[in-house]
Amino acid sequence: MAEYVPEKYKIKSGDKTVSGHAADKLIDKETGEWYFLTNRSFEEIDHFFSNLPSRTIKELKKIKPREEVIRILDIGGGIKARSAGDIADTFGSKHDDRVQVFNLDLTATGQNKEGLHQVVGDMMRLPIKDNSIDLAYSHHSISLREEIDSDALVQALEEVARTLRPGGIFFLDKIYTEKWGKTISPLDLEKLSEKFGVVFYSKEIGLFLEPVERILKKINKEHPNWKFIIMIKEPVDEELMKTLKIEETYKPKNH
């Protein structure tokens, strides 16, 4: 894809996020509402998710039949698709042409290359087919949108659940979703689980991600002692779960 900026937006370059990362701003010309278009490396994002995304990709390459495509989706990955491009370079392209990586954001300025596809669209209405994605992740994107719009989290989770293949995995950061218990209730989770056949892993909603829990135990009690959420579409691949050491210990109260 060549550079594309929707007519209603303009880009302001040379800004920085609160954490000091260089980032462009996408600004709505009419309302002034803006979003950071961050371009973090996959190494940084993978580290944040305890290296589970890279480990998942490696395992998918082992267990997927040679004729099956492995589709990976970065939701809100930035206008230059840096992280998605890193994945294509490391795991796809010359290494394995089954690996196809899709970067979704409101605009795009980079170029597509072998194994990398830039998709312009809204995370609330993903322009992605049902049951097509093996691995998806969102870092500082859906969670930030939820901070602006309290209904965004449920809607975004519904969209991701729709696009995941059976056994597909989604990683969502919780940097901004500290209001999780207020914006998405056990009933919301139950409806989502029944509609799309998904399960969640995290301490607060009743499931336990043990490796992350041990690392984060010392965090201030005013904040959740885990930093990200995992959503998996059923039927869960038990062998993959075992390899990744994601263990379900108890169900939420609504189950």
Foldseek 3Di string as FASTA:
>chain_A
DAWDADPQWDKAAQDADPVGAGWIWIAGPPPRDIDTQGADALVVVCVLVVVLVVLLLVVCVVPPPLPAAAEEEEESNGQANRHQVNCCVPCHDPNRQSQAYEYEDCTHHHDDDRRYHYDHDDLLADPAAFQAHQEYEYDCPQLVVCLVPLQSNLSNLLNVLRRHHAQHKYKYWNPRVQVVCPSADPVSVVVSCVVRVKDKADPVQPWHADVQQVVQVPPDPVGGSGTMMMMHHPPHDVVSCVVSVGDGDGHGPVD
